Amino acid sequence: MVALGSSNSTHSFRSSQRLTITVAHATLQALVERSNTEGRSLSNLAAYLLESSLDRRGVEAPSAAPQPRAR
């Protein structure tokens, strides 16, 4: 299980985060071909596909507004 840690920085909220994954060679080839066909970056396509998958499953994206910190 992975948990996102909280930062003690005053700028702890970020609109996007970096993620590294490992995929099969054939999957990477298919993603590269699709990203080229659609004229978008591989990173943009991967983010779009992940977000679309969550949307289809009814998982809401976190609010863009930072949440108040618990005391």
PDB file of N, CA and C in Angstrom:
ATOM      1  N   MET A   1       0.844  -1.164   0.000  1.00  0.00           N
ATOM      2  CA  MET A   1       0.000   0.000   0.000  1.00  0.00           C
ATOM      3  C   MET A   1       0.895   1.235   0.000  1.00  0.00           C
ATOM      4  N   VAL A   2       0.450   2.246  -0.701  1.00  0.00           N
ATOM      5  CA  VAL A   2       1.199   3.496  -0.801  1.00  0.00           C
ATOM      6  C   VAL A   2       0.385   4.599  -0.171  1.00  0.00           C
ATOM      7  N   ALA A   3       1.035   5.442   0.597  1.00  0.00           N
ATOM      8  CA  ALA A   3       0.369   6.600   1.188  1.00  0.00           C
ATOM      9  C   ALA A   3       1.143   7.845   0.807  1.00  0.00           C
ATOM     10  N   LEU A   4       0.421   8.906   0.517  1.00  0.00           N
ATOM     11  CA  LEU A   4       1.071  10.173   0.233  1.00  0.00           C
ATOM     12  C   LEU A   4       1.361  10.858   1.558  1.00  0.00           C
ATOM     13  N   GLY A   5       2.600  11.192   1.780  1.00  0.00           N
ATOM     14  CA  GLY A   5       2.982  11.855   3.015  1.00  0.00           C
ATOM     15  C   GLY A   5       2.629  13.326   2.977  1.00  0.00           C
ATOM     16  N   SER A   6       2.414  13.892   4.136  1.00  0.00           N
ATOM     17  CA  SER A   6       2.145  15.327   4.184  1.00  0.00           C
ATOM     18  C   SER A   6       3.455  16.057   4.383  1.00  0.00           C
ATOM     19  N   SER A   7       3.512  17.219   3.816  1.00  0.00           N
ATOM     20  CA  SER A   7       4.714  18.029   3.895  1.00  0.00           C
ATOM     21  C   SER A   7       4.544  19.081   4.969  1.00  0.00           C
ATOM     22  N   ASN A   8       5.612  19.418   5.654  1.00  0.00           N
ATOM     23  CA  ASN A   8       5.550  20.474   6.650  1.00  0.00           C
ATOM     24  C   ASN A   8       5.692  21.847   6.023  1.00  0.00           C
ATOM     25  N   SER A   9       5.917  21.903   4.748  1.00  0.00           N
ATOM     26  CA  SER A   9       6.077  23.145   4.019  1.00  0.00           C
ATOM     27  C   SER A   9       4.757  23.902   3.967  1.00  0.00           C
ATOM     28  N   THR A  10       4.835  25.219   3.872  1.00  0.00           N
ATOM     29  CA  THR A  10       3.619  26.015   3.743  1.00  0.00           C
ATOM     30  C   THR A  10       3.002  25.822   2.363  1.00  0.00           C
ATOM     31  N   HIS A  11       3.745  25.259   1.433  1.00  0.00           N
ATOM     32  CA  HIS A  11       3.241  25.002   0.091  1.00  0.00           C
ATOM     33  C   HIS A  11       3.028  23.498  -0.094  1.00  0.00           C
ATOM     34  N   SER A  12       2.345  22.864   0.847  1.00  0.00           N
ATOM     35  CA  SER A  12       2.198  21.413   0.798  1.00  0.00           C
ATOM     36  C   SER A  12       1.224  20.959  -0.289  1.00  0.00           C
ATOM     37  N   PHE A  13       0.353  21.853  -0.774  1.00  0.00           N
ATOM     38  CA  PHE A  13      -0.592  21.466  -1.815  1.00  0.00           C
ATOM     39  C   PHE A  13       0.040  21.666  -3.188  1.00  0.00           C
ATOM     40  N   ARG A  14      -0.076  20.665  -4.018  1.00  0.00           N
ATOM     41  CA  ARG A  14       0.414  20.746  -5.390  1.00  0.00           C
ATOM     42  C   ARG A  14      -0.685  20.238  -6.303  1.00  0.00           C
ATOM     43  N   SER A  15      -0.808  20.841  -7.463  1.00  0.00           N
ATOM     44  CA  SER A  15      -1.867  20.426  -8.371  1.00  0.00           C
ATOM     45  C   SER A  15      -1.548  19.102  -9.056  1.00  0.00           C
ATOM     46  N   SER A  16      -0.279  18.753  -9.176  1.00  0.00           N
ATOM     47  CA  SER A  16       0.070  17.469  -9.776  1.00  0.00           C
ATOM     48  C   SER A  16       1.311  16.907  -9.104  1.00  0.00           C
ATOM     49  N   GLN A  17       1.456  15.607  -9.205  1.00  0.00           N
ATOM     50  CA  GLN A  17       2.580  14.902  -8.593  1.00  0.00           C
ATOM     51  C   GLN A  17       3.228  14.006  -9.634  1.00  0.00           C
ATOM     52  N   ARG A  18       4.453  13.636  -9.396  1.00  0.00           N
ATOM     53  CA  ARG A  18       5.192  12.761 -10.305  1.00  0.00           C
ATOM     54  C   ARG A  18       5.010  11.312  -9.852  1.00  0.00           C
ATOM     55  N   LEU A  19       4.901  10.408 -10.835  1.00  0.00           N
ATOM     56  CA  LEU A  19       4.717   8.988 -10.572  1.00  0.00           C
ATOM     57  C   LEU A  19       5.602   8.204 -11.531  1.00  0.00           C
ATOM     58  N   THR A  20       6.282   7.203 -11.028  1.00  0.00           N
ATOM     59  CA  THR A  20       7.098   6.335 -11.871  1.00  0.00           C
ATOM     60  C   THR A  20       6.494   4.942 -11.841  1.00  0.00           C
ATOM     61  N   ILE A  21       6.292   4.351 -13.028  1.00  0.00           N
ATOM     62  CA  ILE A  21       5.738   2.997 -13.107  1.00  0.00           C
ATOM     63  C   ILE A  21       6.572   2.153 -14.064  1.00  0.00           C
ATOM     64  N   THR A  22       6.429   0.855 -13.944  1.00  0.00           N
ATOM     65  CA  THR A  22       7.073  -0.087 -14.857  1.00  0.00           C
ATOM     66  C   THR A  22       5.979  -0.818 -15.615  1.00  0.00           C
ATOM     67  N   VAL A  23       6.092  -0.845 -16.949  1.00  0.00           N
ATOM     68  CA  VAL A  23       5.112  -1.541 -17.779  1.00  0.00           C
ATOM     69  C   VAL A  23       5.841  -2.480 -18.730  1.00  0.00           C
ATOM     70  N   ALA A  24       5.110  -3.443 -19.247  1.00  0.00           N
ATOM     71  CA  ALA A  24       5.670  -4.380 -20.225  1.00  0.00           C
ATOM     72  C   ALA A  24       6.066  -3.619 -21.489  1.00  0.00           C
ATOM     73  N   HIS A  25       7.057  -4.146 -22.188  1.00  0.00           N
ATOM     74  CA  HIS A  25       7.552  -3.504 -23.406  1.00  0.00           C
ATOM     75  C   HIS A  25       6.429  -3.281 -24.423  1.00  0.00           C
ATOM     76  N   ALA A  26       5.569  -4.280 -24.599  1.00  0.00           N
ATOM     77  CA  ALA A  26       4.466  -4.162 -25.556  1.00  0.00           C
ATOM     78  C   ALA A  26       3.498  -3.053 -25.145  1.00  0.00           C
ATOM     79  N   THR A  27       3.276  -2.904 -23.852  1.00  0.00           N
ATOM     80  CA  THR A  27       2.404  -1.836 -23.360  1.00  0.00           C
ATOM     81  C   THR A  27       3.015  -0.482 -23.658  1.00  0.00           C
ATOM     82  N   LEU A  28       4.304  -0.352 -23.404  1.00  0.00           N
ATOM     83  CA  LEU A  28       4.986   0.907 -23.692  1.00  0.00           C
ATOM     84  C   LEU A  28       4.909   1.232 -25.180  1.00  0.00           C
ATOM     85  N   GLN A  29       5.143   0.240 -26.017  1.00  0.00           N
ATOM     86  CA  GLN A  29       5.064   0.472 -27.469  1.00  0.00           C
ATOM     87  C   GLN A  29       3.679   0.964 -27.871  1.00  0.00           C
ATOM     88  N   ALA A  30       2.644   0.342 -27.327  1.00  0.00           N
ATOM     89  CA  ALA A  30       1.276   0.734 -27.657  1.00  0.00           C
ATOM     90  C   ALA A  30       0.990   2.152 -27.180  1.00  0.00           C
ATOM     91  N   LEU A  31       1.484   2.504 -25.993  1.00  0.00           N
ATOM     92  CA  LEU A  31       1.285   3.853 -25.469  1.00  0.00           C
ATOM     93  C   LEU A  31       2.019   4.897 -26.310  1.00  0.00           C
ATOM     94  N   VAL A  32       3.235   4.587 -26.703  1.00  0.00           N
ATOM     95  CA  VAL A  32       4.020   5.514 -27.530  1.00  0.00           C
ATOM     96  C   VAL A  32       3.330   5.716 -28.872  1.00  0.00           C
ATOM     97  N   GLU A  33       2.877   4.630 -29.494  1.00  0.00           N
ATOM     98  CA  GLU A  33       2.184   4.740 -30.779  1.00  0.00           C
ATOM     99  C   GLU A  33       0.919   5.586 -30.649  1.00  0.00           C
ATOM    100  N   ARG A  34       0.150   5.328 -29.590  1.00  0.00           N
ATOM    101  CA  ARG A  34      -1.087   6.098 -29.401  1.00  0.00           C
ATOM    102  C   ARG A  34      -0.783   7.565 -29.126  1.00  0.00           C
ATOM    103  N   SER A  35       0.216   7.839 -28.309  1.00  0.00           N
ATOM    104  CA  SER A  35       0.547   9.239 -28.001  1.00  0.00           C
ATOM    105  C   SER A  35       0.992   9.968 -29.271  1.00  0.00           C
ATOM    106  N   ASN A  36       1.750   9.300 -30.123  1.00  0.00           N
ATOM    107  CA  ASN A  36       2.169   9.902 -31.393  1.00  0.00           C
ATOM    108  C   ASN A  36       0.974  10.146 -32.303  1.00  0.00           C
ATOM    109  N   THR A  37       0.073   9.171 -32.384  1.00  0.00           N
ATOM    110  CA  THR A  37      -1.121   9.300 -33.226  1.00  0.00           C
ATOM    111  C   THR A  37      -1.990  10.463 -32.762  1.00  0.00           C
ATOM    112  N   GLU A  38      -2.124  10.616 -31.441  1.00  0.00           N
ATOM    113  CA  GLU A  38      -2.982  11.662 -30.879  1.00  0.00           C
ATOM    114  C   GLU A  38      -2.265  13.001 -30.744  1.00  0.00           C
ATOM    115  N   GLY A  39      -0.957  13.021 -31.014  1.00  0.00           N
ATOM    116  CA  GLY A  39      -0.209  14.271 -30.936  1.00  0.00           C
ATOM    117  C   GLY A  39      -0.053  14.805 -29.528  1.00  0.00           C
ATOM    118  N   ARG A  40       0.054  13.915 -28.567  1.00  0.00           N
ATOM    119  CA  ARG A  40       0.246  14.332 -27.173  1.00  0.00           C
ATOM    120  C   ARG A  40       1.468  13.619 -26.606  1.00  0.00           C
ATOM    121  N   SER A  41       1.968  14.136 -25.503  1.00  0.00           N
ATOM    122  CA  SER A  41       3.133  13.515 -24.882  1.00  0.00           C
ATOM    123  C   SER A  41       2.724  12.193 -24.238  1.00  0.00           C
ATOM    124  N   LEU A  42       3.695  11.337 -24.050  1.00  0.00           N
ATOM    125  CA  LEU A  42       3.447  10.055 -23.388  1.00  0.00           C
ATOM    126  C   LEU A  42       2.944  10.283 -21.970  1.00  0.00           C
ATOM    127  N   SER A  43       3.533  11.232 -21.280  1.00  0.00           N
ATOM    128  CA  SER A  43       3.118  11.554 -19.916  1.00  0.00           C
ATOM    129  C   SER A  43       1.667  12.025 -19.874  1.00  0.00           C
ATOM    130  N   ASN A  44       1.296  12.903 -20.806  1.00  0.00           N
ATOM    131  CA  ASN A  44      -0.066  13.411 -20.860  1.00  0.00           C
ATOM    132  C   ASN A  44      -1.056  12.291 -21.144  1.00  0.00           C
ATOM    133  N   LEU A  45      -0.720  11.400 -22.063  1.00  0.00           N
ATOM    134  CA  LEU A  45      -1.593  10.275 -22.373  1.00  0.00           C
ATOM    135  C   LEU A  45      -1.751   9.363 -21.162  1.00  0.00           C
ATOM    136  N   ALA A  46      -0.654   9.047 -20.494  1.00  0.00           N
ATOM    137  CA  ALA A  46      -0.717   8.159 -19.325  1.00  0.00           C
ATOM    138  C   ALA A  46      -1.585   8.778 -18.230  1.00  0.00           C
ATOM    139  N   ALA A  47      -1.424  10.065 -17.972  1.00  0.00           N
ATOM    140  CA  ALA A  47      -2.239  10.743 -16.961  1.00  0.00           C
ATOM    141  C   ALA A  47      -3.714  10.707 -17.356  1.00  0.00           C
ATOM    142  N   TYR A  48      -3.991  10.980 -18.627  1.00  0.00           N
ATOM    143  CA  TYR A  48      -5.369  10.958 -19.119  1.00  0.00           C
ATOM    144  C   TYR A  48      -5.993   9.570 -18.932  1.00  0.00           C
ATOM    145  N   LEU A  49      -5.262   8.521 -19.302  1.00  0.00           N
ATOM    146  CA  LEU A  49      -5.793   7.168 -19.190  1.00  0.00           C
ATOM    147  C   LEU A  49      -6.036   6.772 -17.733  1.00  0.00           C
ATOM    148  N   LEU A  50      -5.124   7.134 -16.851  1.00  0.00           N
ATOM    149  CA  LEU A  50      -5.305   6.821 -15.424  1.00  0.00           C
ATOM    150  C   LEU A  50      -6.514   7.563 -14.850  1.00  0.00           C
ATOM    151  N   GLU A  51      -6.621   8.857 -15.147  1.00  0.00           N
ATOM    152  CA  GLU A  51      -7.743   9.651 -14.638  1.00  0.00           C
ATOM    153  C   GLU A  51      -9.067   9.156 -15.212  1.00  0.00           C
ATOM    154  N   SER A  52      -9.085   8.811 -16.502  1.00  0.00           N
ATOM    155  CA  SER A  52     -10.302   8.295 -17.136  1.00  0.00           C
ATOM    156  C   SER A  52     -10.738   6.989 -16.490  1.00  0.00           C
ATOM    157  N   SER A  53      -9.778   6.133 -16.181  1.00  0.00           N
ATOM    158  CA  SER A  53     -10.091   4.862 -15.541  1.00  0.00           C
ATOM    159  C   SER A  53     -10.733   5.082 -14.170  1.00  0.00           C
ATOM    160  N   LEU A  54     -10.200   6.013 -13.409  1.00  0.00           N
ATOM    161  CA  LEU A  54     -10.773   6.322 -12.097  1.00  0.00           C
ATOM    162  C   LEU A  54     -12.167   6.915 -12.238  1.00  0.00           C
ATOM    163  N   ASP A  55     -12.355   7.798 -13.223  1.00  0.00           N
ATOM    164  CA  ASP A  55     -13.669   8.401 -13.455  1.00  0.00           C
ATOM    165  C   ASP A  55     -14.709   7.332 -13.766  1.00  0.00           C
ATOM    166  N   ARG A  56     -14.347   6.370 -14.614  1.00  0.00           N
ATOM    167  CA  ARG A  56     -15.280   5.297 -14.977  1.00  0.00           C
ATOM    168  C   ARG A  56     -15.649   4.443 -13.776  1.00  0.00           C
ATOM    169  N   ARG A  57     -14.765   4.344 -12.825  1.00  0.00           N
ATOM    170  CA  ARG A  57     -15.026   3.537 -11.623  1.00  0.00           C
ATOM    171  C   ARG A  57     -15.729   4.340 -10.535  1.00  0.00           C
ATOM    172  N   GLY A  58     -15.990   5.608 -10.815  1.00  0.00           N
ATOM    173  CA  GLY A  58     -16.706   6.438  -9.861  1.00  0.00           C
ATOM    174  C   GLY A  58     -15.831   6.990  -8.746  1.00  0.00           C
ATOM    175  N   VAL A  59     -14.518   6.987  -8.957  1.00  0.00           N
ATOM    176  CA  VAL A  59     -13.607   7.533  -7.962  1.00  0.00           C
ATOM    177  C   VAL A  59     -13.453   9.024  -8.230  1.00  0.00           C
ATOM    178  N   GLU A  60     -13.809   9.848  -7.263  1.00  0.00           N
ATOM    179  CA  GLU A  60     -13.696  11.290  -7.444  1.00  0.00           C
ATOM    180  C   GLU A  60     -12.280  11.752  -7.210  1.00  0.00           C
ATOM    181  N   ALA A  61     -11.846  12.686  -8.055  1.00  0.00           N
ATOM    182  CA  ALA A  61     -10.536  13.304  -7.853  1.00  0.00           C
ATOM    183  C   ALA A  61     -10.635  14.223  -6.653  1.00  0.00           C
ATOM    184  N   PRO A  62      -9.559  14.358  -5.884  1.00  0.00           N
ATOM    185  CA  PRO A  62      -9.586  15.261  -4.742  1.00  0.00           C
ATOM    186  C   PRO A  62      -9.885  16.681  -5.191  1.00  0.00           C
ATOM    187  N   SER A  63     -10.478  17.441  -4.314  1.00  0.00           N
ATOM    188  CA  SER A  63     -10.787  18.838  -4.601  1.00  0.00           C
ATOM    189  C   SER A  63      -9.517  19.613  -4.900  1.00  0.00           C
ATOM    190  N   ALA A  64      -9.621  20.593  -5.779  1.00  0.00           N
ATOM    191  CA  ALA A  64      -8.462  21.423  -6.123  1.00  0.00           C
ATOM    192  C   ALA A  64      -8.093  22.360  -4.985  1.00  0.00           C
ATOM    193  N   ALA A  65      -9.020  22.575  -4.074  1.00  0.00           N
ATOM    194  CA  ALA A  65      -8.748  23.478  -2.950  1.00  0.00           C
ATOM    195  C   ALA A  65      -8.062  22.707  -1.828  1.00  0.00           C
ATOM    196  N   PRO A  66      -7.052  23.312  -1.202  1.00  0.00           N
ATOM    197  CA  PRO A  66      -6.382  22.636  -0.090  1.00  0.00           C
ATOM    198  C   PRO A  66      -7.349  22.449   1.070  1.00  0.00           C
ATOM    199  N   GLN A  67      -7.232  21.334   1.739  1.00  0.00           N
ATOM    200  CA  GLN A  67      -8.085  21.042   2.891  1.00  0.00           C
ATOM    201  C   GLN A  67      -7.480  21.657   4.149  1.00  0.00           C
ATOM    202  N   PRO A  68      -8.318  22.114   5.080  1.00  0.00           N
ATOM    203  CA  PRO A  68      -7.783  22.660   6.329  1.00  0.00           C
ATOM    204  C   PRO A  68      -7.027  21.601   7.094  1.00  0.00           C
ATOM    205  N   ARG A  69      -5.973  22.005   7.748  1.00  0.00           N
ATOM    206  CA  ARG A  69      -5.172  21.060   8.529  1.00  0.00           C
ATOM    207  C   ARG A  69      -5.825  20.791   9.875  1.00  0.00           C
ATOM    208  N   ALA A  70      -5.790  19.537  10.278  1.00  0.00           N
ATOM    209  CA  ALA A  70      -6.309  19.156  11.594  1.00  0.00           C
ATOM    210  C   ALA A  70      -5.332  19.629  12.655  1.00  0.00           C
ATOM    211  N   ARG A  71      -5.873  20.039  13.777  1.00  0.00           N
ATOM    212  CA  ARG A  71      -5.003  20.495  14.878  1.00  0.00           C
ATOM    213  C   ARG A  71      -4.883  19.466  15.941  1.00  0.00           C
TER     214      ARG A  71
END
